Structures are given as structure tokens and as C-alpha cells.
Amino acid sequence: MISVYPASSRYSADHGWLQSHFSFSFADYYDSDNMNFGPLRVLNDDIIAAGKGFGMHPHREMEIVSVVLRGQLQHQDSLGHTAVTTYGQIQRMSAGKGVMHSEFNPSENEDMNLLQMWFMPNQEGVQPSYETTTYDLAKTVNILLPIVSHQSSAEVAHIHQDMTMYMSRLEQGKEISFNQAQNRRIFVFVTEGEITINGSTQLHNRDSARITETTALNISSVQGGSFILIDLP
């Protein structure tokens, strides 16, 4: 079953310096029927103004993945990490037993856009950790490139959950396939352009799909499109 969630169905929050679109219940937005999709608890599409951001605040027992789509994200945490993440990089923080961190747009004149995703871990009480990984943008063309997984590597960020996140950019007229084990979930989020799933389900910029009871996907694009696919338990 493929359930489509148009971009326009997301909850929007305007804080002046921060423009947010929530795919799941978060902050002032609460919907008991839209709390999570498997272990995927949060997906926020944020635009942060130049020089603005989130001051030091705590997290615990959550896996937090940030994907920068435009601009730069500056991170600092209570573990002593300081890093700047840009397009083509992934920031992963395991809050575990507890950690404090801040996130800012370090630019003086340009806003930044990121997707921040929170995943419930499959084990509690782990030591907090942080990493930034870089993936090859050229390797996302017409394939599904893993960028976050419980099976990590130098170019794949590690996460405490039985899941894998893929990035892909389909050129005009191209298609790819994805096969999954039984009794799992698939989440798809379009970051640019358009795609079609299994010949009939169309998704456009910032649309998403929550997929269950479907083990084989064919994903195509007429005009070209970029998207994230997450294989979830």
C-alpha cells in the first residue's frame, strides 16, 4: 500500500528567522494519527535565516540525522565536537544517554535549508556520539546510494536502528528498482523535481509516500527528480 502525503498537507510554522514544515507531530503541532512511521519520528524541512539558529538544548534516546540541501549548518555539542556541514554531507548524532548541542546558519547573508530527521533507536542507553560523513553526489545519479545505515562505512553514517537511508537523483526518462524484505516499511521524500512509483503514484517536490506491504518498487522520472528513500523496520 502506498499512501501519498502532498507537500501542502504538512504543518507549517513561521518564526521569522525559521520557516518549518513538519511531516510528523512536532512542537506546537500535534496529531495523534501522525506521530511516526515505524521508527521515523520527525522529519522537519527547515529554512534558517543567515546568522540564526538553535542555541544549546538537550536530547536523549534519539538518533538525529541532518541532510543539508542548501547552505551550511554549524554544529557544536557538549561532547566537544564542532563542525560545519554542507550539501553533499550528512550529520548524524546519537543522543543516547543525553547530549547538549546547538545548530546555526554561519552565513552572514544567505539562508540555509536542511532536512532534520529523528529516529527512535533500537537500543537505549548508548554513549552519545556524533559524526559528519561525505557522500559523492555523482554516485547518486540513477542509483540508490546508501548514506545512513546500521551497516556503516567511511561514506555511510552509522545509526542505532535497523534501517538504511538512500539518496538518488534520477535523470530525465530514467528509472531504478528497489526490492525489500517482507514486513518492512519504505518512506520516500522528494527533494526536487518529480518521480513516479510503480507506474502510477506521482510525487512532486516535497511530497512524501509511506509504503507498506509492498516489497518491489520501480521508481521513474519524466523530467528528472531527486529523492530520499528510507528502508525501515
Protein backbone atom coordinates (compact mmCIF):
# COMPACT_ATOMS: atom_id res chain seq x y z
CA MET A 1 0.00 0.00 0.00
CA ILE A 2 1.31 3.45 -0.96
CA SER A 3 -0.04 6.42 0.99
CA VAL A 4 0.84 9.81 -0.52
CA TYR A 5 1.31 12.91 1.64
CA PRO A 6 1.41 16.07 -0.52
CA ALA A 7 3.79 18.85 0.48
CA SER A 8 0.78 21.08 1.12
CA SER A 9 -0.50 18.68 3.81
CA ARG A 10 2.48 19.35 6.09
CA TYR A 11 2.13 21.61 9.12
CA SER A 12 3.88 24.95 8.57
CA ALA A 13 5.39 27.22 11.21
CA ASP A 14 6.71 30.75 10.56
CA HIS A 15 9.03 32.13 13.24
CA GLY A 16 10.54 34.86 11.09
CA TRP A 17 14.12 33.59 11.19
CA LEU A 18 12.87 29.99 10.87
CA GLN A 19 10.45 28.59 8.30
CA SER A 20 9.49 24.99 9.11
CA HIS A 21 7.35 22.29 7.56
CA PHE A 22 6.62 19.25 9.75
CA SER A 23 5.82 15.84 8.26
CA PHE A 24 5.01 14.45 11.73
CA SER A 25 3.74 15.82 15.04
CA PHE A 26 6.30 18.23 16.46
CA ALA A 27 6.38 21.23 18.81
CA ASP A 28 3.01 23.06 18.59
CA TYR A 29 1.67 20.60 16.01
CA TYR A 30 0.04 17.51 17.49
CA ASP A 31 -1.89 14.85 15.63
CA SER A 32 -2.32 11.52 17.40
CA ASP A 33 -2.71 9.85 13.99
CA ASN A 34 0.55 11.31 12.68
CA MET A 35 3.16 10.62 15.35
CA ASN A 36 5.60 8.43 13.43
CA PHE A 37 6.13 5.93 10.64
CA GLY A 38 7.85 2.98 12.25
CA PRO A 39 10.97 4.36 13.99
CA LEU A 40 10.87 7.58 11.91
CA ARG A 41 9.58 10.08 14.47
CA VAL A 42 10.40 13.52 12.97
CA LEU A 43 11.04 14.96 9.53
CA ASN A 44 11.34 18.74 9.56
CA ASP A 45 12.05 20.76 6.42
CA ASP A 46 13.69 23.91 7.83
CA ILE A 47 14.88 27.16 6.27
CA ILE A 48 17.10 29.09 8.71
CA ALA A 49 17.97 32.75 8.15
CA ALA A 50 21.57 33.95 7.98
CA GLY A 51 23.25 34.11 11.39
CA LYS A 52 20.32 32.43 13.16
CA GLY A 53 19.78 29.02 14.68
CA PHE A 54 19.05 26.90 17.73
CA GLY A 55 21.03 27.56 20.92
CA MET A 56 22.26 24.81 23.24
CA HIS A 57 19.45 22.37 24.06
CA PRO A 58 19.27 18.75 25.26
CA HIS A 59 18.38 15.47 23.55
CA ARG A 60 18.34 11.88 24.74
CA GLU A 61 17.44 8.45 23.32
CA MET A 62 17.09 9.67 19.73
CA GLU A 63 19.07 9.25 16.50
CA ILE A 64 19.19 12.61 14.71
CA VAL A 65 20.15 12.91 11.03
CA SER A 66 20.54 16.25 9.26
CA VAL A 67 20.73 16.50 5.47
CA VAL A 68 21.79 19.93 4.20
CA LEU A 69 20.15 20.83 0.89
CA ARG A 70 21.44 24.41 0.63
CA GLY A 71 23.93 26.48 2.59
CA GLN A 72 25.83 25.44 5.72
CA LEU A 73 24.95 24.05 9.14
CA GLN A 74 27.27 24.75 12.08
CA HIS A 75 27.13 22.22 14.92
CA GLN A 76 28.54 22.34 18.46
CA ASP A 77 27.87 19.88 21.27
CA SER A 78 28.71 19.01 24.86
CA LEU A 79 30.99 16.21 23.63
CA GLY A 80 33.39 18.83 22.27
CA HIS A 81 32.51 18.47 18.59
CA THR A 82 32.46 21.49 16.30
CA ALA A 83 31.70 21.04 12.60
CA VAL A 84 30.19 22.74 9.57
CA THR A 85 28.08 20.54 7.27
CA THR A 86 27.29 21.46 3.65
CA TYR A 87 25.43 19.97 0.68
CA GLY A 88 26.83 16.51 -0.01
CA GLN A 89 27.38 15.77 3.66
CA ILE A 90 25.38 14.05 6.40
CA GLN A 91 25.37 14.95 10.07
CA ARG A 92 24.42 12.14 12.47
CA MET A 93 24.12 12.50 16.24
CA SER A 94 23.19 9.68 18.62
CA ALA A 95 21.78 11.38 21.71
CA GLY A 96 21.88 8.16 23.75
CA LYS A 97 22.17 8.82 27.49
CA GLY A 98 21.98 12.56 26.86
CA VAL A 99 23.77 15.34 25.00
CA MET A 100 23.53 19.11 24.54
CA HIS A 101 24.02 20.71 21.14
CA SER A 102 23.44 23.85 19.08
CA GLU A 103 22.83 24.35 15.37
CA PHE A 104 23.32 27.61 13.47
CA ASN A 105 23.50 29.01 9.98
CA PRO A 106 27.00 30.56 9.98
CA SER A 107 26.44 32.61 6.80
CA GLU A 108 26.23 36.38 7.10
CA ASN A 109 23.89 36.85 4.13
CA GLU A 110 22.40 33.55 2.88
CA ASP A 111 19.70 31.35 4.36
CA MET A 112 20.11 27.59 4.55
CA ASN A 113 17.78 24.64 4.03
CA LEU A 114 18.04 21.29 5.77
CA LEU A 115 16.00 18.20 6.42
CA GLN A 116 16.27 17.01 10.00
CA MET A 117 15.07 13.52 10.81
CA TRP A 118 14.72 11.86 14.20
CA PHE A 119 14.69 8.08 14.52
CA MET A 120 13.85 6.10 17.63
CA PRO A 121 16.86 3.86 18.39
CA ASN A 122 16.70 0.08 18.65
CA GLN A 123 18.78 0.19 21.83
CA GLU A 124 18.73 2.63 24.73
CA GLY A 125 21.48 3.92 26.95
CA VAL A 126 24.21 4.10 24.30
CA GLN A 127 27.06 6.57 24.65
CA PRO A 128 26.29 9.84 22.82
CA SER A 129 28.22 10.23 19.57
CA TYR A 130 28.49 12.49 16.54
CA GLU A 131 29.85 12.23 13.01
CA THR A 132 29.83 14.02 9.68
CA THR A 133 30.17 11.92 6.54
CA THR A 134 30.61 12.99 2.92
CA TYR A 135 28.96 11.20 0.03
CA ASP A 136 29.81 11.51 -3.66
CA LEU A 137 27.00 13.42 -5.38
CA ALA A 138 27.96 11.87 -8.72
CA LYS A 139 27.25 8.42 -7.28
CA THR A 140 23.60 9.34 -6.61
CA VAL A 141 22.79 9.67 -10.32
CA ASN A 142 20.32 6.98 -11.41
CA ILE A 143 21.15 4.71 -8.45
CA LEU A 144 20.21 4.44 -4.78
CA LEU A 145 23.28 5.45 -2.78
CA PRO A 146 23.24 4.48 0.93
CA ILE A 147 24.15 7.47 3.13
CA VAL A 148 23.00 6.34 6.61
CA SER A 149 22.74 2.75 7.83
CA HIS A 150 23.21 0.33 10.71
CA GLN A 151 25.84 -1.14 8.37
CA SER A 152 28.14 1.86 8.21
CA SER A 153 31.37 2.63 6.35
CA ALA A 154 33.63 5.61 5.71
CA GLU A 155 30.97 7.19 3.45
CA VAL A 156 27.88 5.87 5.26
CA ALA A 157 26.91 7.33 8.64
CA HIS A 158 26.16 4.83 11.40
CA ILE A 159 22.78 4.71 13.14
CA HIS A 160 21.43 2.66 16.04
CA GLN A 161 18.43 1.31 14.14
CA ASP A 162 17.81 -1.46 11.60
CA MET A 163 17.37 0.95 8.69
CA THR A 164 19.12 2.37 5.66
CA MET A 165 18.66 5.80 4.09
CA TYR A 166 19.39 6.23 0.39
CA MET A 167 19.85 9.31 -1.79
CA SER A 168 19.13 9.33 -5.53
CA ARG A 169 18.91 11.75 -8.44
CA LEU A 170 17.06 10.42 -11.48
CA GLU A 171 17.78 11.99 -14.84
CA GLN A 172 15.04 12.58 -17.39
CA GLY A 173 13.48 9.33 -18.57
CA LYS A 174 15.48 7.12 -16.17
CA GLU A 175 14.21 4.54 -13.70
CA ILE A 176 15.54 2.37 -10.88
CA SER A 177 14.23 -0.55 -8.83
CA PHE A 178 14.22 -1.27 -5.11
CA ASN A 179 13.44 -4.63 -3.54
CA GLN A 180 12.78 -5.04 0.15
CA ALA A 181 12.20 -7.90 2.59
CA GLN A 182 8.70 -8.73 3.78
CA ASN A 183 7.13 -6.92 6.76
CA ARG A 184 9.15 -3.72 6.41
CA ARG A 185 8.31 -0.11 5.56
CA ILE A 186 9.55 2.34 2.94
CA PHE A 187 9.47 6.12 3.27
CA VAL A 188 10.10 8.31 0.21
CA PHE A 189 10.61 12.09 0.25
CA VAL A 190 11.13 14.14 -2.93
CA THR A 191 13.67 16.95 -2.54
CA GLU A 192 13.44 18.28 -6.11
CA GLY A 193 11.54 17.62 -9.34
CA GLU A 194 9.17 14.67 -9.72
CA ILE A 195 9.12 10.88 -9.60
CA THR A 196 6.59 8.12 -10.26
CA ILE A 197 6.39 4.96 -8.14
CA ASN A 198 5.25 1.71 -9.75
CA GLY A 199 3.92 3.45 -12.82
CA SER A 200 1.01 5.30 -11.24
CA THR A 201 1.88 7.08 -7.98
CA GLN A 202 3.26 10.53 -8.77
CA LEU A 203 5.23 12.59 -6.27
CA HIS A 204 6.41 16.16 -6.75
CA ASN A 205 8.77 18.46 -4.87
CA ARG A 206 8.46 17.89 -1.08
CA ASP A 207 5.74 15.26 -1.44
CA SER A 208 6.28 12.04 0.51
CA ALA A 209 4.99 8.47 0.46
CA ARG A 210 4.62 5.94 3.26
CA ILE A 211 4.73 2.43 1.82
CA THR A 212 3.77 -0.86 3.46
CA GLU A 213 3.02 -4.38 2.22
CA THR A 214 4.96 -3.64 -0.96
CA THR A 215 8.34 -5.30 -1.47
CA ALA A 216 9.18 -4.21 -5.03
CA LEU A 217 9.35 -0.62 -6.25
CA ASN A 218 10.03 0.79 -9.69
CA ILE A 219 10.83 4.50 -9.48
CA SER A 220 10.95 6.58 -12.65
CA SER A 221 11.06 10.24 -13.64
CA VAL A 222 9.94 12.01 -16.80
CA GLN A 223 11.55 15.40 -16.15
CA GLY A 224 14.11 14.40 -13.53
CA GLY A 225 13.91 14.30 -9.76
CA SER A 226 15.88 13.88 -6.54
CA PHE A 227 14.61 11.96 -3.54
CA ILE A 228 15.43 10.20 -0.29
CA LEU A 229 14.30 6.61 0.27
CA ILE A 230 14.40 5.06 3.75
CA ASP A 231 14.13 1.31 4.33
CA LEU A 232 12.57 0.89 7.80
CA PRO A 233 11.53 -1.97 10.08
